[in-house]
Amino acid sequence: MSSEERRVELLQGSLDLIVLRTLATMGPLHAYAIATRLERISDYPLDLNQGTLYPALVRLEQKGWIKGAWRKTENNREAKFYTLTRAGERALAAKVESWRRLAGLVDKLLLEA
């Protein structure tokens, strides 16, 4: 299977869950570190680029689920580091529950086919 065939398309709304979970697990990260982390842990390449990730970070920040603050990276560059907020923790819990219900439904439908 080619790398193009192995690419995974994110379902609408799943990127929020993935970003929130990454910040909950890893602590404060900048966008490049988030993208790198997701690429490293995925078995299949995620179709994730700046045009996908940055709007998601802005949206999550506007919802109050993450908070961004400018800091220096390990390479001494300025970057916006994102941290999960209390509201983000609650949103993550709700999204995890919703995802599990959806995954359970899909599993049931696949078993019936």
N, C-alpha and C. Protein backbone atom coordinates (compact mmCIF):
# COMPACT_ATOMS: atom_id res chain seq x y z
N MET A 1 0.85 -1.17 0.00
CA MET A 1 0.00 0.00 0.00
C MET A 1 0.90 1.24 0.00
N SER A 2 0.63 2.16 -0.90
CA SER A 2 1.44 3.38 -0.99
C SER A 2 1.12 4.31 0.18
N SER A 3 2.03 5.27 0.42
CA SER A 3 1.78 6.21 1.51
C SER A 3 0.54 7.05 1.24
N GLU A 4 0.27 7.32 -0.02
CA GLU A 4 -0.94 8.09 -0.36
C GLU A 4 -2.19 7.29 -0.02
N GLU A 5 -2.16 5.98 -0.26
CA GLU A 5 -3.31 5.13 0.06
C GLU A 5 -3.47 4.95 1.56
N ARG A 6 -2.39 5.10 2.32
CA ARG A 6 -2.43 4.93 3.76
C ARG A 6 -2.88 6.18 4.50
N ARG A 7 -2.98 7.32 3.82
CA ARG A 7 -3.38 8.56 4.47
C ARG A 7 -4.75 8.41 5.10
N VAL A 8 -4.90 9.02 6.26
CA VAL A 8 -6.17 8.99 6.97
C VAL A 8 -6.79 10.37 6.92
N GLU A 9 -8.04 10.42 6.50
CA GLU A 9 -8.76 11.69 6.51
C GLU A 9 -9.44 11.81 7.87
N LEU A 10 -9.34 12.99 8.45
CA LEU A 10 -9.97 13.22 9.75
C LEU A 10 -11.45 13.49 9.56
N LEU A 11 -12.26 12.87 10.40
CA LEU A 11 -13.68 13.18 10.40
C LEU A 11 -13.88 14.57 10.97
N GLN A 12 -14.90 15.26 10.50
CA GLN A 12 -15.16 16.59 11.02
C GLN A 12 -15.34 16.54 12.53
N GLY A 13 -14.63 17.39 13.23
CA GLY A 13 -14.72 17.43 14.68
C GLY A 13 -13.68 16.56 15.38
N SER A 14 -13.11 15.59 14.68
CA SER A 14 -12.14 14.71 15.35
C SER A 14 -10.81 15.40 15.59
N LEU A 15 -10.47 16.40 14.79
CA LEU A 15 -9.22 17.11 15.01
C LEU A 15 -9.23 17.81 16.37
N ASP A 16 -10.36 18.39 16.75
CA ASP A 16 -10.47 19.03 18.06
C ASP A 16 -10.15 18.03 19.17
N LEU A 17 -10.74 16.85 19.07
CA LEU A 17 -10.51 15.80 20.05
C LEU A 17 -9.02 15.43 20.11
N ILE A 18 -8.42 15.26 18.97
CA ILE A 18 -7.01 14.85 18.90
C ILE A 18 -6.09 15.93 19.48
N VAL A 19 -6.35 17.18 19.15
CA VAL A 19 -5.51 18.27 19.67
C VAL A 19 -5.69 18.41 21.18
N LEU A 20 -6.93 18.37 21.64
CA LEU A 20 -7.19 18.48 23.08
C LEU A 20 -6.51 17.35 23.84
N ARG A 21 -6.60 16.14 23.32
CA ARG A 21 -5.99 14.98 23.98
C ARG A 21 -4.46 15.10 23.98
N THR A 22 -3.90 15.59 22.89
CA THR A 22 -2.45 15.76 22.82
C THR A 22 -1.98 16.75 23.87
N LEU A 23 -2.68 17.86 24.02
CA LEU A 23 -2.30 18.86 25.03
C LEU A 23 -2.52 18.31 26.44
N ALA A 24 -3.56 17.52 26.65
CA ALA A 24 -3.81 16.93 27.96
C ALA A 24 -2.69 15.96 28.33
N THR A 25 -2.19 15.25 27.35
CA THR A 25 -1.14 14.25 27.57
C THR A 25 0.25 14.87 27.67
N MET A 26 0.54 15.81 26.79
CA MET A 26 1.91 16.32 26.64
C MET A 26 2.15 17.65 27.36
N GLY A 27 1.10 18.35 27.74
CA GLY A 27 1.28 19.67 28.32
C GLY A 27 1.43 20.72 27.23
N PRO A 28 1.88 21.92 27.57
CA PRO A 28 1.96 23.01 26.61
C PRO A 28 2.85 22.67 25.40
N LEU A 29 2.32 22.91 24.22
CA LEU A 29 3.05 22.66 22.97
C LEU A 29 2.74 23.76 21.97
N HIS A 30 3.68 24.01 21.06
CA HIS A 30 3.41 24.91 19.94
C HIS A 30 2.90 24.07 18.77
N ALA A 31 2.37 24.73 17.76
CA ALA A 31 1.70 24.04 16.65
C ALA A 31 2.60 23.02 15.97
N TYR A 32 3.85 23.38 15.72
CA TYR A 32 4.75 22.44 15.05
C TYR A 32 4.96 21.20 15.91
N ALA A 33 5.08 21.38 17.21
CA ALA A 33 5.27 20.24 18.11
C ALA A 33 4.02 19.36 18.15
N ILE A 34 2.85 19.98 18.08
CA ILE A 34 1.61 19.21 18.04
C ILE A 34 1.58 18.36 16.77
N ALA A 35 1.85 18.98 15.64
CA ALA A 35 1.85 18.26 14.37
C ALA A 35 2.87 17.13 14.37
N THR A 36 4.05 17.41 14.89
CA THR A 36 5.11 16.39 14.95
C THR A 36 4.68 15.22 15.82
N ARG A 37 4.09 15.52 16.96
CA ARG A 37 3.62 14.48 17.88
C ARG A 37 2.56 13.60 17.21
N LEU A 38 1.63 14.21 16.52
CA LEU A 38 0.57 13.46 15.87
C LEU A 38 1.13 12.58 14.75
N GLU A 39 2.08 13.10 14.00
CA GLU A 39 2.71 12.30 12.95
C GLU A 39 3.48 11.13 13.55
N ARG A 40 4.13 11.36 14.66
CA ARG A 40 4.97 10.33 15.27
C ARG A 40 4.13 9.18 15.84
N ILE A 41 2.99 9.48 16.44
CA ILE A 41 2.23 8.41 17.09
C ILE A 41 1.21 7.73 16.17
N SER A 42 0.95 8.29 15.00
CA SER A 42 -0.05 7.69 14.12
C SER A 42 0.55 6.54 13.33
N ASP A 43 -0.20 5.46 13.23
CA ASP A 43 0.22 4.33 12.41
C ASP A 43 0.09 4.66 10.93
N TYR A 44 -0.84 5.53 10.62
CA TYR A 44 -1.05 5.96 9.25
C TYR A 44 -0.86 7.47 9.19
N PRO A 45 -0.25 7.94 8.14
CA PRO A 45 -0.05 9.40 8.06
C PRO A 45 -1.37 10.15 8.09
N LEU A 46 -1.44 11.11 8.97
CA LEU A 46 -2.62 11.98 9.01
C LEU A 46 -2.48 13.03 7.93
N ASP A 47 -3.56 13.37 7.32
CA ASP A 47 -3.56 14.43 6.32
C ASP A 47 -3.69 15.76 7.07
N LEU A 48 -2.59 16.16 7.71
CA LEU A 48 -2.58 17.32 8.58
C LEU A 48 -1.56 18.32 8.07
N ASN A 49 -2.00 19.52 7.80
CA ASN A 49 -1.08 20.56 7.35
C ASN A 49 -1.42 21.87 8.06
N GLN A 50 -0.65 22.90 7.77
CA GLN A 50 -0.87 24.19 8.44
C GLN A 50 -2.27 24.72 8.19
N GLY A 51 -2.80 24.48 7.01
CA GLY A 51 -4.13 24.96 6.67
C GLY A 51 -5.23 24.23 7.43
N THR A 52 -4.88 23.11 8.03
CA THR A 52 -5.82 22.35 8.85
C THR A 52 -5.61 22.64 10.33
N LEU A 53 -4.37 22.58 10.77
CA LEU A 53 -4.06 22.68 12.20
C LEU A 53 -4.26 24.10 12.75
N TYR A 54 -3.74 25.11 12.06
CA TYR A 54 -3.82 26.47 12.60
C TYR A 54 -5.26 26.97 12.77
N PRO A 55 -6.14 26.75 11.80
CA PRO A 55 -7.54 27.16 12.04
C PRO A 55 -8.17 26.42 13.22
N ALA A 56 -7.80 25.15 13.41
CA ALA A 56 -8.33 24.40 14.55
C ALA A 56 -7.85 25.00 15.86
N LEU A 57 -6.58 25.38 15.92
CA LEU A 57 -6.04 26.00 17.13
C LEU A 57 -6.73 27.32 17.43
N VAL A 58 -6.97 28.12 16.40
CA VAL A 58 -7.68 29.39 16.57
C VAL A 58 -9.10 29.13 17.08
N ARG A 59 -9.78 28.16 16.47
CA ARG A 59 -11.15 27.83 16.87
C ARG A 59 -11.20 27.36 18.33
N LEU A 60 -10.27 26.49 18.72
CA LEU A 60 -10.24 25.98 20.09
C LEU A 60 -9.93 27.10 21.09
N GLU A 61 -9.07 28.03 20.68
CA GLU A 61 -8.75 29.16 21.55
C GLU A 61 -9.96 30.08 21.69
N GLN A 62 -10.69 30.32 20.60
CA GLN A 62 -11.88 31.17 20.65
C GLN A 62 -12.97 30.56 21.53
N LYS A 63 -13.04 29.24 21.56
CA LYS A 63 -14.02 28.55 22.42
C LYS A 63 -13.60 28.56 23.88
N GLY A 64 -12.35 28.94 24.15
CA GLY A 64 -11.86 28.94 25.51
C GLY A 64 -11.37 27.59 25.99
N TRP A 65 -11.19 26.64 25.07
CA TRP A 65 -10.76 25.29 25.43
C TRP A 65 -9.24 25.18 25.54
N ILE A 66 -8.53 26.07 24.86
CA ILE A 66 -7.08 26.15 24.98
C ILE A 66 -6.70 27.60 25.14
N LYS A 67 -5.52 27.84 25.68
CA LYS A 67 -5.03 29.20 25.83
C LYS A 67 -3.63 29.24 25.24
N GLY A 68 -3.36 30.26 24.43
CA GLY A 68 -2.05 30.40 23.82
C GLY A 68 -1.24 31.50 24.48
N ALA A 69 0.06 31.27 24.59
CA ALA A 69 0.98 32.27 25.14
C ALA A 69 2.30 32.18 24.38
N TRP A 70 2.84 33.33 24.03
CA TRP A 70 4.11 33.36 23.29
C TRP A 70 5.28 33.08 24.23
N ARG A 71 6.13 32.15 23.80
CA ARG A 71 7.33 31.78 24.55
C ARG A 71 8.43 31.39 23.57
N LYS A 72 9.59 31.17 24.11
CA LYS A 72 10.73 30.71 23.30
C LYS A 72 10.70 29.18 23.20
N THR A 73 11.02 28.68 22.02
CA THR A 73 11.14 27.23 21.84
C THR A 73 12.52 26.78 22.29
N GLU A 74 12.75 25.49 22.21
CA GLU A 74 14.06 24.94 22.54
C GLU A 74 15.14 25.43 21.57
N ASN A 75 14.71 25.91 20.41
CA ASN A 75 15.63 26.48 19.41
C ASN A 75 15.73 28.00 19.51
N ASN A 76 15.21 28.54 20.60
CA ASN A 76 15.24 29.99 20.87
C ASN A 76 14.44 30.81 19.86
N ARG A 77 13.36 30.23 19.35
CA ARG A 77 12.45 30.94 18.45
C ARG A 77 11.16 31.25 19.20
N GLU A 78 10.53 32.34 18.82
CA GLU A 78 9.24 32.70 19.40
C GLU A 78 8.15 31.82 18.79
N ALA A 79 7.34 31.22 19.64
CA ALA A 79 6.23 30.40 19.16
C ALA A 79 5.10 30.51 20.17
N LYS A 80 3.90 30.32 19.69
CA LYS A 80 2.74 30.35 20.57
C LYS A 80 2.52 28.94 21.12
N PHE A 81 2.64 28.81 22.43
CA PHE A 81 2.43 27.53 23.09
C PHE A 81 0.99 27.47 23.58
N TYR A 82 0.36 26.34 23.35
CA TYR A 82 -1.04 26.15 23.71
C TYR A 82 -1.16 25.24 24.92
N THR A 83 -2.06 25.62 25.82
CA THR A 83 -2.32 24.86 27.04
C THR A 83 -3.81 24.59 27.13
N LEU A 84 -4.16 23.42 27.62
CA LEU A 84 -5.55 23.06 27.84
C LEU A 84 -6.10 23.83 29.05
N THR A 85 -7.29 24.38 28.91
CA THR A 85 -7.94 25.08 30.01
C THR A 85 -8.88 24.12 30.74
N ARG A 86 -9.45 24.58 31.85
CA ARG A 86 -10.45 23.75 32.57
C ARG A 86 -11.65 23.46 31.66
N ALA A 87 -12.07 24.48 30.94
CA ALA A 87 -13.18 24.28 29.99
C ALA A 87 -12.77 23.27 28.92
N GLY A 88 -11.52 23.31 28.52
CA GLY A 88 -11.00 22.35 27.54
C GLY A 88 -10.98 20.94 28.09
N GLU A 89 -10.67 20.80 29.37
CA GLU A 89 -10.70 19.47 30.01
C GLU A 89 -12.12 18.91 29.97
N ARG A 90 -13.10 19.76 30.27
CA ARG A 90 -14.50 19.32 30.23
C ARG A 90 -14.92 18.97 28.80
N ALA A 91 -14.51 19.81 27.85
CA ALA A 91 -14.83 19.55 26.44
C ALA A 91 -14.18 18.25 25.98
N LEU A 92 -12.95 18.00 26.41
CA LEU A 92 -12.26 16.76 26.04
C LEU A 92 -13.03 15.55 26.57
N ALA A 93 -13.44 15.60 27.82
CA ALA A 93 -14.20 14.48 28.40
C ALA A 93 -15.48 14.22 27.61
N ALA A 94 -16.18 15.28 27.24
CA ALA A 94 -17.43 15.14 26.48
C ALA A 94 -17.14 14.58 25.09
N LYS A 95 -16.08 15.06 24.45
CA LYS A 95 -15.72 14.58 23.11
C LYS A 95 -15.28 13.13 23.13
N VAL A 96 -14.56 12.73 24.17
CA VAL A 96 -14.15 11.33 24.29
C VAL A 96 -15.37 10.44 24.41
N GLU A 97 -16.32 10.83 25.25
CA GLU A 97 -17.55 10.05 25.41
C GLU A 97 -18.32 9.96 24.10
N SER A 98 -18.45 11.08 23.41
CA SER A 98 -19.15 11.11 22.13
C SER A 98 -18.45 10.22 21.10
N TRP A 99 -17.12 10.30 21.07
CA TRP A 99 -16.34 9.49 20.12
C TRP A 99 -16.55 8.00 20.41
N ARG A 100 -16.54 7.62 21.67
CA ARG A 100 -16.71 6.20 22.04
C ARG A 100 -18.10 5.70 21.64
N ARG A 101 -19.11 6.54 21.81
CA ARG A 101 -20.46 6.15 21.38
C ARG A 101 -20.50 5.95 19.87
N LEU A 102 -19.91 6.89 19.12
CA LEU A 102 -19.88 6.79 17.67
C LEU A 102 -19.11 5.55 17.22
N ALA A 103 -17.94 5.32 17.81
CA ALA A 103 -17.12 4.16 17.45
C ALA A 103 -17.88 2.86 17.75
N GLY A 104 -18.59 2.82 18.87
CA GLY A 104 -19.38 1.64 19.20
C GLY A 104 -20.48 1.39 18.19
N LEU A 105 -21.14 2.44 17.76
CA LEU A 105 -22.18 2.33 16.76
C LEU A 105 -21.60 1.81 15.44
N VAL A 106 -20.50 2.38 15.01
CA VAL A 106 -19.88 1.95 13.75
C VAL A 106 -19.45 0.48 13.85
N ASP A 107 -18.87 0.09 14.98
CA ASP A 107 -18.48 -1.31 15.18
C ASP A 107 -19.69 -2.23 15.06
N LYS A 108 -20.79 -1.86 15.69
CA LYS A 108 -21.99 -2.69 15.60
C LYS A 108 -22.47 -2.82 14.16
N LEU A 109 -22.48 -1.69 13.45
CA LEU A 109 -22.94 -1.72 12.06
C LEU A 109 -22.02 -2.57 11.18
N LEU A 110 -20.74 -2.52 11.43
CA LEU A 110 -19.79 -3.31 10.64
C LEU A 110 -19.92 -4.80 10.94
N LEU A 111 -20.22 -5.14 12.18
CA LEU A 111 -20.38 -6.55 12.54
C LEU A 111 -21.65 -7.15 11.94
N GLU A 112 -22.67 -6.31 11.74
CA GLU A 112 -23.93 -6.78 11.18
C GLU A 112 -23.86 -6.99 9.67
N ALA A 113 -22.91 -6.37 9.01
CA ALA A 113 -22.85 -6.43 7.55
C ALA A 113 -22.44 -7.78 7.03
